[in-house]
């Protein structure tokens, strides 16, 4: 049983690592605003699937790693992902029974909250713009939710992550 949990932890870590790599891949200028929030979606999935293993602490650590890698205000992503993880933990029983299209809408709201928190923090620092394009990743993340959900569920079942 402990081997499964250790292997499961490595699989979860590997998915977060892939999400961080995907979030840092260079994109053309015109697509940069529409980059999905990979780490937030992976966090939401694991909180829904394994709330006893992945939670607020995981969101905080993943956010700190994102802050360091992106060179943003230290703690901005950590705060945003912690709040997203907390909301997902309070809703995980409901989200499990939702069809994928309803889960996508909820993911859009959660990633939108993530983006709003980041935008709010950037406003205080003075790095913000005047448009609402900062909410575009929420819509794109909702569109990517179904394949991400199916892919991560397949990984979880293949490697017996529990």
C-alpha atoms as a PDB file:
ATOM      1  CA  UNK A   1       0.000   0.000   0.000  1.00  0.00           C
ATOM      2  CA  UNK A   2       2.805   2.427   0.806  1.00  0.00           C
ATOM      3  CA  UNK A   3       4.421   1.757  -2.592  1.00  0.00           C
ATOM      4  CA  UNK A   4       1.240   2.882  -4.301  1.00  0.00           C
ATOM      5  CA  UNK A   5       1.127   6.070  -2.263  1.00  0.00           C
ATOM      6  CA  UNK A   6       4.786   6.839  -2.940  1.00  0.00           C
ATOM      7  CA  UNK A   7       4.365   6.143  -6.645  1.00  0.00           C
ATOM      8  CA  UNK A   8       1.194   8.172  -6.610  1.00  0.00           C
ATOM      9  CA  UNK A   9       3.033  11.105  -5.103  1.00  0.00           C
ATOM     10  CA  UNK A  10       5.646  10.899  -7.836  1.00  0.00           C
ATOM     11  CA  UNK A  11       2.966  10.801 -10.526  1.00  0.00           C
ATOM     12  CA  UNK A  12       1.204  13.820  -9.031  1.00  0.00           C
ATOM     13  CA  UNK A  13       4.533  15.652  -8.806  1.00  0.00           C
ATOM     14  CA  UNK A  14       5.306  14.755 -12.436  1.00  0.00           C
ATOM     15  CA  UNK A  15       1.959  16.132 -13.626  1.00  0.00           C
ATOM     16  CA  UNK A  16       2.578  19.391 -11.771  1.00  0.00           C
ATOM     17  CA  UNK A  17       6.059  19.550 -13.265  1.00  0.00           C
ATOM     18  CA  UNK A  18       4.598  19.060 -16.768  1.00  0.00           C
ATOM     19  CA  UNK A  19       2.074  21.814 -16.039  1.00  0.00           C
ATOM     20  CA  UNK A  20       4.839  24.196 -14.981  1.00  0.00           C
ATOM     21  CA  UNK A  21       6.822  23.389 -18.136  1.00  0.00           C
ATOM     22  CA  UNK A  22       3.737  23.948 -20.312  1.00  0.00           C
ATOM     23  CA  UNK A  23       3.074  27.259 -18.582  1.00  0.00           C
ATOM     24  CA  UNK A  24       6.582  28.467 -19.464  1.00  0.00           C
ATOM     25  CA  UNK A  25       6.777  27.345 -23.084  1.00  0.00           C
ATOM     26  CA  UNK A  26       7.206  30.300 -25.419  1.00  0.00           C
ATOM     27  CA  UNK A  27       4.188  31.210 -27.524  1.00  0.00           C
ATOM     28  CA  UNK A  28       3.744  33.747 -30.314  1.00  0.00           C
ATOM     29  CA  UNK A  29       2.776  37.232 -29.154  1.00  0.00           C
ATOM     30  CA  UNK A  30      -0.805  37.060 -30.425  1.00  0.00           C
ATOM     31  CA  UNK A  31      -1.499  33.780 -28.566  1.00  0.00           C
ATOM     32  CA  UNK A  32       0.273  34.730 -25.336  1.00  0.00           C
ATOM     33  CA  UNK A  33      -2.881  36.199 -23.784  1.00  0.00           C
ATOM     34  CA  UNK A  34      -4.786  32.965 -24.416  1.00  0.00           C
ATOM     35  CA  UNK A  35      -2.384  30.616 -22.608  1.00  0.00           C
ATOM     36  CA  UNK A  36      -4.376  28.174 -20.483  1.00  0.00           C
ATOM     37  CA  UNK A  37      -3.565  28.025 -16.793  1.00  0.00           C
ATOM     38  CA  UNK A  38      -2.101  24.526 -16.825  1.00  0.00           C
ATOM     39  CA  UNK A  39      -1.024  24.423 -13.196  1.00  0.00           C
ATOM     40  CA  UNK A  40      -4.400  25.647 -11.958  1.00  0.00           C
ATOM     41  CA  UNK A  41      -6.219  23.017 -14.031  1.00  0.00           C
ATOM     42  CA  UNK A  42      -3.930  20.230 -12.811  1.00  0.00           C
ATOM     43  CA  UNK A  43      -4.412  21.423  -9.226  1.00  0.00           C
ATOM     44  CA  UNK A  44      -8.195  21.460  -9.651  1.00  0.00           C
ATOM     45  CA  UNK A  45      -8.152  17.940 -11.077  1.00  0.00           C
ATOM     46  CA  UNK A  46      -6.057  16.464  -8.276  1.00  0.00           C
ATOM     47  CA  UNK A  47      -8.092  18.247  -5.594  1.00  0.00           C
ATOM     48  CA  UNK A  48     -11.270  16.791  -7.086  1.00  0.00           C
ATOM     49  CA  UNK A  49      -9.775  13.313  -7.539  1.00  0.00           C
ATOM     50  CA  UNK A  50      -7.717  13.034  -4.331  1.00  0.00           C
ATOM     51  CA  UNK A  51      -8.728  15.708  -1.810  1.00  0.00           C
ATOM     52  CA  UNK A  52      -7.047  13.746   1.001  1.00  0.00           C
ATOM     53  CA  UNK A  53      -3.648  13.972  -0.761  1.00  0.00           C
ATOM     54  CA  UNK A  54      -3.690  17.228  -2.734  1.00  0.00           C
ATOM     55  CA  UNK A  55      -5.068  20.386  -1.217  1.00  0.00           C
ATOM     56  CA  UNK A  56      -4.346  23.900  -0.121  1.00  0.00           C
ATOM     57  CA  UNK A  57      -0.708  23.163   0.736  1.00  0.00           C
ATOM     58  CA  UNK A  58      -0.093  21.749  -2.719  1.00  0.00           C
ATOM     59  CA  UNK A  59      -1.607  24.867  -4.246  1.00  0.00           C
ATOM     60  CA  UNK A  60       0.645  27.055  -2.117  1.00  0.00           C
ATOM     61  CA  UNK A  61       3.816  25.165  -3.073  1.00  0.00           C
ATOM     62  CA  UNK A  62       2.908  25.070  -6.772  1.00  0.00           C
ATOM     63  CA  UNK A  63       2.161  28.800  -6.632  1.00  0.00           C
ATOM     64  CA  UNK A  64       5.505  29.590  -5.004  1.00  0.00           C
ATOM     65  CA  UNK A  65       7.294  27.591  -7.683  1.00  0.00           C
ATOM     66  CA  UNK A  66       5.400  29.518 -10.373  1.00  0.00           C
ATOM     67  CA  UNK A  67       6.266  32.818  -8.708  1.00  0.00           C
ATOM     68  CA  UNK A  68       9.962  31.971  -8.646  1.00  0.00           C
ATOM     69  CA  UNK A  69      10.020  30.684 -12.232  1.00  0.00           C
ATOM     70  CA  UNK A  70       7.999  33.566 -13.674  1.00  0.00           C
ATOM     71  CA  UNK A  71       9.769  36.204 -11.631  1.00  0.00           C
ATOM     72  CA  UNK A  72       6.482  37.655 -10.482  1.00  0.00           C
ATOM     73  CA  UNK A  73       5.642  39.124  -7.099  1.00  0.00           C
ATOM     74  CA  UNK A  74       6.539  36.428  -4.579  1.00  0.00           C
ATOM     75  CA  UNK A  75       3.351  34.966  -3.182  1.00  0.00           C
ATOM     76  CA  UNK A  76       0.945  36.182  -5.875  1.00  0.00           C
ATOM     77  CA  UNK A  77       0.444  32.814  -7.568  1.00  0.00           C
ATOM     78  CA  UNK A  78       0.751  31.093  -4.200  1.00  0.00           C
ATOM     79  CA  UNK A  79      -2.172  33.097  -2.830  1.00  0.00           C
ATOM     80  CA  UNK A  80      -4.247  32.663  -5.979  1.00  0.00           C
ATOM     81  CA  UNK A  81      -3.700  28.900  -6.225  1.00  0.00           C
ATOM     82  CA  UNK A  82      -4.292  28.468  -2.497  1.00  0.00           C
ATOM     83  CA  UNK A  83      -7.683  30.138  -2.823  1.00  0.00           C
ATOM     84  CA  UNK A  84      -8.511  28.088  -5.932  1.00  0.00           C
ATOM     85  CA  UNK A  85      -7.549  24.872  -4.097  1.00  0.00           C
ATOM     86  CA  UNK A  86      -9.668  25.855  -1.094  1.00  0.00           C
ATOM     87  CA  UNK A  87     -12.730  26.539  -3.235  1.00  0.00           C
ATOM     88  CA  UNK A  88     -12.192  23.309  -5.188  1.00  0.00           C
ATOM     89  CA  UNK A  89     -11.901  21.382  -1.905  1.00  0.00           C
ATOM     90  CA  UNK A  90     -15.191  22.776  -0.682  1.00  0.00           C
ATOM     91  CA  UNK A  91     -16.890  21.855  -3.971  1.00  0.00           C
ATOM     92  CA  UNK A  92     -15.176  18.575  -4.849  1.00  0.00           C
ATOM     93  CA  UNK A  93     -18.146  16.328  -3.979  1.00  0.00           C
ATOM     94  CA  UNK A  94     -20.393  18.332  -6.270  1.00  0.00           C
ATOM     95  CA  UNK A  95     -17.823  18.611  -9.036  1.00  0.00           C
ATOM     96  CA  UNK A  96     -17.355  14.835  -9.147  1.00  0.00           C
ATOM     97  CA  UNK A  97     -20.971  14.294 -10.158  1.00  0.00           C
ATOM     98  CA  UNK A  98     -21.142  17.154 -12.658  1.00  0.00           C
ATOM     99  CA  UNK A  99     -20.910  16.298 -16.351  1.00  0.00           C
ATOM    100  CA  UNK A 100     -17.760  17.546 -18.071  1.00  0.00           C
ATOM    101  CA  UNK A 101     -19.438  20.605 -19.574  1.00  0.00           C
ATOM    102  CA  UNK A 102     -20.555  21.786 -16.117  1.00  0.00           C
ATOM    103  CA  UNK A 103     -17.124  21.060 -14.705  1.00  0.00           C
ATOM    104  CA  UNK A 104     -15.694  23.193 -17.529  1.00  0.00           C
ATOM    105  CA  UNK A 105     -17.890  26.105 -16.488  1.00  0.00           C
ATOM    106  CA  UNK A 106     -16.772  25.748 -12.882  1.00  0.00           C
ATOM    107  CA  UNK A 107     -13.139  25.540 -13.987  1.00  0.00           C
ATOM    108  CA  UNK A 108     -13.683  28.750 -15.939  1.00  0.00           C
ATOM    109  CA  UNK A 109     -14.935  30.426 -12.760  1.00  0.00           C
ATOM    110  CA  UNK A 110     -12.049  29.062 -10.651  1.00  0.00           C
ATOM    111  CA  UNK A 111      -9.390  30.084 -13.174  1.00  0.00           C
ATOM    112  CA  UNK A 112     -11.160  33.440 -13.503  1.00  0.00           C
ATOM    113  CA  UNK A 113     -10.808  33.894  -9.737  1.00  0.00           C
ATOM    114  CA  UNK A 114      -7.132  32.988 -10.082  1.00  0.00           C
ATOM    115  CA  UNK A 115      -6.691  35.584 -12.817  1.00  0.00           C
ATOM    116  CA  UNK A 116      -8.602  38.251 -10.871  1.00  0.00           C
ATOM    117  CA  UNK A 117      -6.418  37.746  -7.796  1.00  0.00           C
ATOM    118  CA  UNK A 118      -3.260  37.990  -9.903  1.00  0.00           C
ATOM    119  CA  UNK A 119      -4.605  41.099 -11.642  1.00  0.00           C
ATOM    120  CA  UNK A 120      -5.510  42.658  -8.309  1.00  0.00           C
ATOM    121  CA  UNK A 121      -2.003  42.051  -6.932  1.00  0.00           C
ATOM    122  CA  UNK A 122      -0.447  43.419 -10.137  1.00  0.00           C
ATOM    123  CA  UNK A 123      -2.606  46.535  -9.769  1.00  0.00           C
ATOM    124  CA  UNK A 124      -1.030  47.241  -6.387  1.00  0.00           C
ATOM    125  CA  UNK A 125       2.458  46.779  -7.814  1.00  0.00           C
ATOM    126  CA  UNK A 126       1.700  48.821 -10.934  1.00  0.00           C
ATOM    127  CA  UNK A 127       2.123  46.207 -13.685  1.00  0.00           C
ATOM    128  CA  UNK A 128      -1.452  46.070 -14.941  1.00  0.00           C
ATOM    129  CA  UNK A 129      -3.167  46.997 -18.184  1.00  0.00           C
ATOM    130  CA  UNK A 130      -6.582  48.482 -18.838  1.00  0.00           C
ATOM    131  CA  UNK A 131      -8.209  45.659 -20.838  1.00  0.00           C
ATOM    132  CA  UNK A 132     -10.092  42.584 -19.746  1.00  0.00           C
ATOM    133  CA  UNK A 133      -7.818  40.290 -21.769  1.00  0.00           C
ATOM    134  CA  UNK A 134      -6.400  38.969 -18.504  1.00  0.00           C
ATOM    135  CA  UNK A 135      -9.602  36.865 -18.205  1.00  0.00           C
ATOM    136  CA  UNK A 136      -9.050  35.113 -21.548  1.00  0.00           C
ATOM    137  CA  UNK A 137      -7.057  32.230 -19.972  1.00  0.00           C
ATOM    138  CA  UNK A 138     -10.163  31.346 -17.957  1.00  0.00           C
ATOM    139  CA  UNK A 139     -12.160  30.760 -21.137  1.00  0.00           C
ATOM    140  CA  UNK A 140      -9.328  28.856 -22.822  1.00  0.00           C
ATOM    141  CA  UNK A 141      -8.802  26.725 -19.722  1.00  0.00           C
ATOM    142  CA  UNK A 142     -12.487  25.819 -19.746  1.00  0.00           C
ATOM    143  CA  UNK A 143     -12.139  24.703 -23.358  1.00  0.00           C
ATOM    144  CA  UNK A 144      -9.100  22.564 -22.469  1.00  0.00           C
ATOM    145  CA  UNK A 145     -10.670  21.080 -19.323  1.00  0.00           C
ATOM    146  CA  UNK A 146     -12.306  18.026 -20.940  1.00  0.00           C
ATOM    147  CA  UNK A 147      -9.152  16.619 -22.576  1.00  0.00           C
ATOM    148  CA  UNK A 148      -7.061  17.456 -19.494  1.00  0.00           C
ATOM    149  CA  UNK A 149      -9.584  15.726 -17.241  1.00  0.00           C
ATOM    150  CA  UNK A 150      -9.688  12.598 -19.404  1.00  0.00           C
ATOM    151  CA  UNK A 151      -5.883  12.514 -19.735  1.00  0.00           C
ATOM    152  CA  UNK A 152      -5.225  12.908 -16.003  1.00  0.00           C
ATOM    153  CA  UNK A 153      -7.919  10.379 -15.112  1.00  0.00           C
ATOM    154  CA  UNK A 154      -6.278   7.874 -17.451  1.00  0.00           C
ATOM    155  CA  UNK A 155      -2.908   8.521 -15.803  1.00  0.00           C
ATOM    156  CA  UNK A 156      -4.452   8.110 -12.351  1.00  0.00           C
ATOM    157  CA  UNK A 157      -6.071   4.800 -13.281  1.00  0.00           C
ATOM    158  CA  UNK A 158      -3.080   3.451 -15.187  1.00  0.00           C
ATOM    159  CA  UNK A 159      -0.642   4.042 -12.329  1.00  0.00           C
ATOM    160  CA  UNK A 160      -3.166   3.261  -9.558  1.00  0.00           C
ATOM    161  CA  UNK A 161      -2.788   6.666  -7.930  1.00  0.00           C
ATOM    162  CA  UNK A 162      -4.958   6.749  -4.825  1.00  0.00           C
END
